[in-house]
Amino acid sequence: GSPITLNADGISIEGFTVRNSGSWPNAGIKVYSSDNRITDNIISSNNWDGILLYSSSNNSITGNIISSNKYDGIYLYSSSNNRMTDNIISNNEDGICLSSSSNNRITDNDISNHYDGIRLYSSSDNRITDNIISSNNGDGIRLSSSSNNSITGNNISNNGYGIYLYSSSDNRITDNIISNNGDGIYLYYSSNNNSITDNNISSNNECGIHLVNSSNNCIRNNIFINDGVVIWGDELQDWNTHVIENNTVNGRPLYYF
């Protein structure tokens, strides 16, 4: 089972070491309720997920060490208005995963895991701000079928992709430092008003920004160092649907092909 399960509202969980949950749908701390505080715990060693929120809202997850769990450090399903702040999330499969969840805040976390740092599926209106994300084999931040999310002020390095958008629209990627990934930002079948502005994108192994079968996006006021923009796929015939302007390029030129 789950070592700790919260069914009532307004509970504080502080200072515990939580380990060895059963398999899905169990977790180190499993939450079915709202307005709880999960603070300064060590959640590690063989839980399925470290923390699982299921149809829960207005919870605060702060200052925890969440490591070496089998799957996600923190997993939210159909949960809204939760805050995840100042956690150290490491050596899990994925760091934080949101599924069908909205209006959550992910701020000031240190995230270093085996695969994706932060994943969003069918999730909207979330804010991902001021995190340090390094996920080795996976993506720093991955959005799938997700819209109107804000990704701001993060330091994203040493991932397969820094930020990967799949079938996602109306997202804002602003003021991030994105370096030493495979591709810095990769848009795949992602169109309609994704905004990539004021980022520092440097020394990624493939491309600074790589667009594949994506159109009608804005790339503005970014600084590229040893990187460029590649547009590839069906939209080559109308690549000028993108707004690409006022970018500063050092090293390789800003180019399209």
Protein backbone atom coordinates (compact mmCIF):
# COMPACT_ATOMS: atom_id res chain seq x y z
CA GLY A 1 0.00 0.00 0.00
CA SER A 2 0.91 3.66 0.48
CA PRO A 3 2.83 4.46 3.68
CA ILE A 4 0.82 7.71 4.02
CA THR A 5 -2.64 8.37 2.53
CA LEU A 6 -4.46 11.70 2.98
CA ASN A 7 -8.24 11.46 2.72
CA ALA A 8 -9.14 14.51 4.83
CA ASP A 9 -8.45 18.17 4.09
CA GLY A 10 -6.01 20.45 5.88
CA ILE A 11 -3.39 17.94 7.02
CA SER A 12 0.29 18.81 7.60
CA ILE A 13 2.92 16.13 6.92
CA GLU A 14 6.35 17.28 8.07
CA GLY A 15 9.68 15.65 8.91
CA PHE A 16 8.94 12.05 7.89
CA THR A 17 11.06 9.58 5.99
CA VAL A 18 8.78 7.69 3.60
CA ARG A 19 9.83 4.61 1.66
CA ASN A 20 8.88 1.23 0.16
CA SER A 21 5.32 1.72 -1.09
CA GLY A 22 3.52 -0.93 -3.07
CA SER A 23 3.13 -0.72 -6.84
CA TRP A 24 0.67 1.47 -8.79
CA PRO A 25 -1.66 3.02 -7.74
CA ASN A 26 0.26 3.38 -4.49
CA ALA A 27 2.85 6.04 -3.64
CA GLY A 28 5.00 7.19 -0.77
CA ILE A 29 2.41 9.88 0.03
CA LYS A 30 -0.97 9.52 -1.71
CA VAL A 31 -3.35 12.48 -1.59
CA TYR A 32 -7.09 12.41 -2.31
CA SER A 33 -7.87 15.66 -0.50
CA SER A 34 -7.14 19.40 -0.54
CA ASP A 35 -5.45 22.19 1.41
CA ASN A 36 -2.67 19.96 2.75
CA ARG A 37 0.98 20.84 3.45
CA ILE A 38 3.73 18.31 2.66
CA THR A 39 6.94 19.87 3.95
CA ASP A 40 10.55 18.88 4.69
CA ASN A 41 10.13 15.13 4.23
CA ILE A 42 12.52 12.58 2.73
CA ILE A 43 10.55 10.53 0.24
CA SER A 44 12.88 7.97 -1.26
CA SER A 45 13.99 4.42 -1.71
CA ASN A 46 11.58 2.34 -3.70
CA ASN A 47 8.24 4.06 -3.63
CA TRP A 48 6.27 3.68 -6.88
CA ASP A 49 5.70 7.43 -7.15
CA GLY A 50 7.10 9.66 -4.45
CA ILE A 51 3.96 11.81 -4.09
CA LEU A 52 0.67 11.19 -5.94
CA LEU A 53 -2.11 13.80 -6.04
CA TYR A 54 -5.42 12.48 -7.38
CA SER A 55 -8.23 15.00 -7.98
CA SER A 56 -6.68 17.23 -5.34
CA SER A 57 -6.34 21.00 -5.10
CA ASN A 58 -4.64 23.74 -3.12
CA ASN A 59 -1.90 21.54 -1.73
CA SER A 60 1.60 22.81 -0.92
CA ILE A 61 4.60 20.52 -1.54
CA THR A 62 7.67 22.34 -0.24
CA GLY A 63 11.24 21.61 0.80
CA ASN A 64 11.13 17.84 0.34
CA ILE A 65 13.90 15.52 -0.83
CA ILE A 66 12.28 13.16 -3.34
CA SER A 67 14.70 10.62 -4.76
CA SER A 68 15.26 7.10 -6.03
CA ASN A 69 11.59 6.25 -6.54
CA LYS A 70 10.55 3.84 -9.30
CA TYR A 71 8.58 6.27 -11.46
CA ASP A 72 7.65 9.94 -10.91
CA GLY A 73 8.95 11.99 -8.04
CA ILE A 74 5.64 13.91 -8.00
CA TYR A 75 2.60 12.87 -10.08
CA LEU A 76 -0.57 14.96 -10.41
CA TYR A 77 -3.71 13.56 -12.00
CA SER A 78 -6.74 15.81 -12.54
CA SER A 79 -5.42 18.18 -9.89
CA SER A 80 -5.38 21.97 -9.84
CA ASN A 81 -4.03 24.97 -7.95
CA ASN A 82 -1.21 23.07 -6.26
CA ARG A 83 2.23 24.52 -5.46
CA MET A 84 5.51 22.57 -5.75
CA THR A 85 8.35 24.72 -4.44
CA ASP A 86 11.98 24.30 -3.30
CA ASN A 87 12.07 20.51 -3.59
CA ILE A 88 15.12 18.45 -4.54
CA ILE A 89 13.88 15.80 -6.98
CA SER A 90 16.54 13.39 -8.21
CA ASN A 91 17.22 9.88 -9.50
CA ASN A 92 13.58 9.06 -10.21
CA GLU A 93 12.43 7.96 -13.67
CA ASP A 94 10.78 11.38 -14.17
CA GLY A 95 10.79 14.36 -11.85
CA ILE A 96 7.31 15.93 -11.96
CA CYS A 97 4.43 14.72 -14.15
CA LEU A 98 1.10 16.50 -14.66
CA SER A 99 -1.78 14.74 -16.42
CA SER A 100 -5.08 16.54 -17.09
CA SER A 101 -4.08 19.12 -14.49
CA SER A 102 -4.31 22.90 -14.58
CA ASN A 103 -3.29 26.08 -12.75
CA ASN A 104 -0.42 24.48 -10.85
CA ARG A 105 2.83 26.23 -9.90
CA ILE A 106 6.22 24.50 -10.19
CA THR A 107 8.84 26.88 -8.81
CA ASP A 108 12.46 26.87 -7.55
CA ASN A 109 12.94 23.10 -7.63
CA ASP A 110 16.22 21.31 -8.33
CA ILE A 111 15.32 18.49 -10.72
CA SER A 112 17.78 15.84 -11.98
CA ASN A 113 16.36 12.48 -13.05
CA HIS A 114 16.89 9.59 -15.45
CA TYR A 115 14.35 10.68 -18.08
CA ASP A 116 12.15 13.78 -18.22
CA GLY A 117 12.50 16.56 -15.68
CA ILE A 118 8.93 17.91 -16.00
CA ARG A 119 6.20 16.34 -18.18
CA LEU A 120 2.76 17.75 -18.97
CA TYR A 121 0.03 15.72 -20.70
CA SER A 122 -3.25 17.42 -21.64
CA SER A 123 -2.55 20.08 -19.05
CA SER A 124 -3.10 23.84 -19.30
CA ASP A 125 -2.50 27.13 -17.52
CA ASN A 126 0.43 25.87 -15.44
CA ARG A 127 3.49 27.95 -14.53
CA ILE A 128 6.97 26.41 -14.55
CA THR A 129 9.33 29.02 -13.13
CA ASP A 130 12.93 29.32 -11.87
CA ASN A 131 13.75 25.61 -11.74
CA ILE A 132 17.13 23.98 -12.35
CA ILE A 133 16.55 20.99 -14.64
CA SER A 134 19.09 18.40 -15.76
CA SER A 135 17.66 15.03 -16.78
CA ASN A 136 20.44 13.20 -18.58
CA ASN A 137 18.72 10.87 -21.07
CA GLY A 138 15.32 12.53 -21.43
CA ASP A 139 13.84 15.98 -21.93
CA GLY A 140 14.18 18.88 -19.55
CA ILE A 141 10.54 19.94 -19.99
CA ARG A 142 8.12 18.00 -22.23
CA LEU A 143 4.63 19.21 -23.17
CA SER A 144 2.20 16.93 -25.01
CA SER A 145 -1.25 18.15 -26.11
CA SER A 146 -0.92 20.99 -23.62
CA SER A 147 -1.77 24.67 -23.99
CA ASN A 148 -1.41 28.07 -22.37
CA ASN A 149 1.44 27.08 -20.08
CA SER A 150 4.21 29.48 -19.02
CA ILE A 151 7.85 28.30 -18.89
CA THR A 152 9.92 31.16 -17.47
CA GLY A 153 13.32 31.73 -15.88
CA ASN A 154 14.46 28.10 -15.80
CA ASN A 155 18.03 26.83 -16.18
CA ILE A 156 17.78 23.78 -18.45
CA SER A 157 20.95 21.87 -19.35
CA ASN A 158 22.34 18.45 -20.27
CA ASN A 159 19.07 16.91 -21.48
CA GLY A 160 18.10 15.10 -24.70
CA TYR A 161 15.90 18.11 -25.56
CA GLY A 162 15.89 21.18 -23.41
CA ILE A 163 12.19 21.87 -24.04
CA TYR A 164 10.07 19.57 -26.25
CA LEU A 165 6.58 20.54 -27.41
CA TYR A 166 4.42 17.92 -29.13
CA SER A 167 0.99 18.86 -30.49
CA SER A 168 0.87 21.87 -28.17
CA SER A 169 -0.20 25.48 -28.71
CA ASP A 170 -0.37 28.90 -27.05
CA ASN A 171 2.53 28.23 -24.68
CA ARG A 172 5.04 30.88 -23.58
CA ILE A 173 8.77 30.08 -23.27
CA THR A 174 10.51 33.15 -21.87
CA ASP A 175 13.77 34.17 -20.14
CA ASN A 176 15.20 30.66 -19.82
CA ILE A 177 18.86 29.60 -20.00
CA ILE A 178 18.98 26.56 -22.29
CA SER A 179 22.40 25.01 -22.89
CA ASN A 180 24.27 21.79 -23.65
CA ASN A 181 21.19 19.77 -24.58
CA GLY A 182 20.61 17.80 -27.79
CA ASP A 183 18.22 20.38 -29.28
CA GLY A 184 17.59 23.46 -27.20
CA ILE A 185 13.88 23.77 -28.04
CA TYR A 186 12.10 21.25 -30.28
CA LEU A 187 8.60 21.84 -31.65
CA TYR A 188 6.93 18.85 -33.32
CA TYR A 189 3.46 19.32 -34.83
CA SER A 190 3.10 22.32 -32.53
CA SER A 191 1.49 25.35 -34.10
CA ASN A 192 -0.55 28.42 -33.32
CA ASN A 193 0.95 31.01 -31.08
CA ASN A 194 3.69 29.29 -29.16
CA SER A 195 5.92 32.20 -28.12
CA ILE A 196 9.70 31.74 -27.68
CA THR A 197 11.14 35.04 -26.47
CA ASP A 198 14.11 36.48 -24.57
CA ASN A 199 15.86 33.15 -23.98
CA ASN A 200 19.61 32.54 -23.83
CA ILE A 201 20.21 29.47 -26.00
CA SER A 202 23.77 28.23 -26.25
CA SER A 203 26.05 25.31 -27.14
CA ASN A 204 23.36 22.71 -27.74
CA ASN A 205 24.58 19.68 -29.67
CA GLU A 206 22.07 19.87 -32.53
CA CYS A 207 20.04 23.08 -32.94
CA GLY A 208 19.09 25.99 -30.79
CA ILE A 209 15.46 25.81 -31.95
CA HIS A 210 14.23 23.00 -34.20
CA LEU A 211 10.75 23.19 -35.77
CA VAL A 212 9.27 20.16 -37.52
CA ASN A 213 5.81 20.34 -39.10
CA SER A 214 4.98 23.36 -36.99
CA SER A 215 3.70 26.78 -38.06
CA ASN A 216 2.49 30.16 -36.80
CA ASN A 217 4.88 30.45 -33.88
CA CYS A 218 6.84 33.47 -32.65
CA ILE A 219 10.63 33.44 -32.10
CA ARG A 220 11.73 36.85 -30.91
CA ASN A 221 14.54 38.57 -28.96
CA ASN A 222 16.52 35.42 -28.18
CA ILE A 223 20.30 35.27 -27.79
CA PHE A 224 21.90 32.36 -29.67
CA ILE A 225 25.50 31.33 -29.01
CA ASN A 226 26.84 28.62 -31.35
CA ASP A 227 23.26 27.70 -32.23
CA GLY A 228 20.63 28.52 -34.83
CA VAL A 229 17.06 27.86 -35.92
CA VAL A 230 16.15 24.99 -38.22
CA ILE A 231 12.74 24.73 -39.89
CA TRP A 232 12.12 21.37 -41.48
CA GLY A 233 9.13 19.49 -42.89
CA ASP A 234 5.84 20.36 -44.55
CA GLU A 235 5.87 23.98 -43.46
CA LEU A 236 8.94 24.76 -45.57
CA GLN A 237 6.62 25.97 -48.30
CA ASP A 238 5.18 28.60 -45.98
CA TRP A 239 7.94 29.02 -43.39
CA ASN A 240 7.14 32.72 -43.19
CA THR A 241 4.04 31.90 -41.15
CA HIS A 242 6.48 32.10 -38.24
CA VAL A 243 7.46 35.44 -36.76
CA ILE A 244 11.27 35.32 -36.41
CA GLU A 245 12.78 38.67 -35.53
CA ASN A 246 15.25 40.61 -33.38
CA ASN A 247 17.34 37.57 -32.42
CA THR A 248 21.04 38.04 -31.66
CA VAL A 249 23.37 35.39 -33.02
CA ASN A 250 26.99 34.68 -32.11
CA GLY A 251 28.88 31.81 -33.73
CA ARG A 252 26.75 30.05 -36.33
CA PRO A 253 24.27 32.32 -38.12
CA LEU A 254 20.57 32.20 -37.58
CA TYR A 255 19.48 30.05 -40.50
CA TYR A 256 16.56 28.15 -41.98
CA PHE A 257 16.52 25.17 -44.33
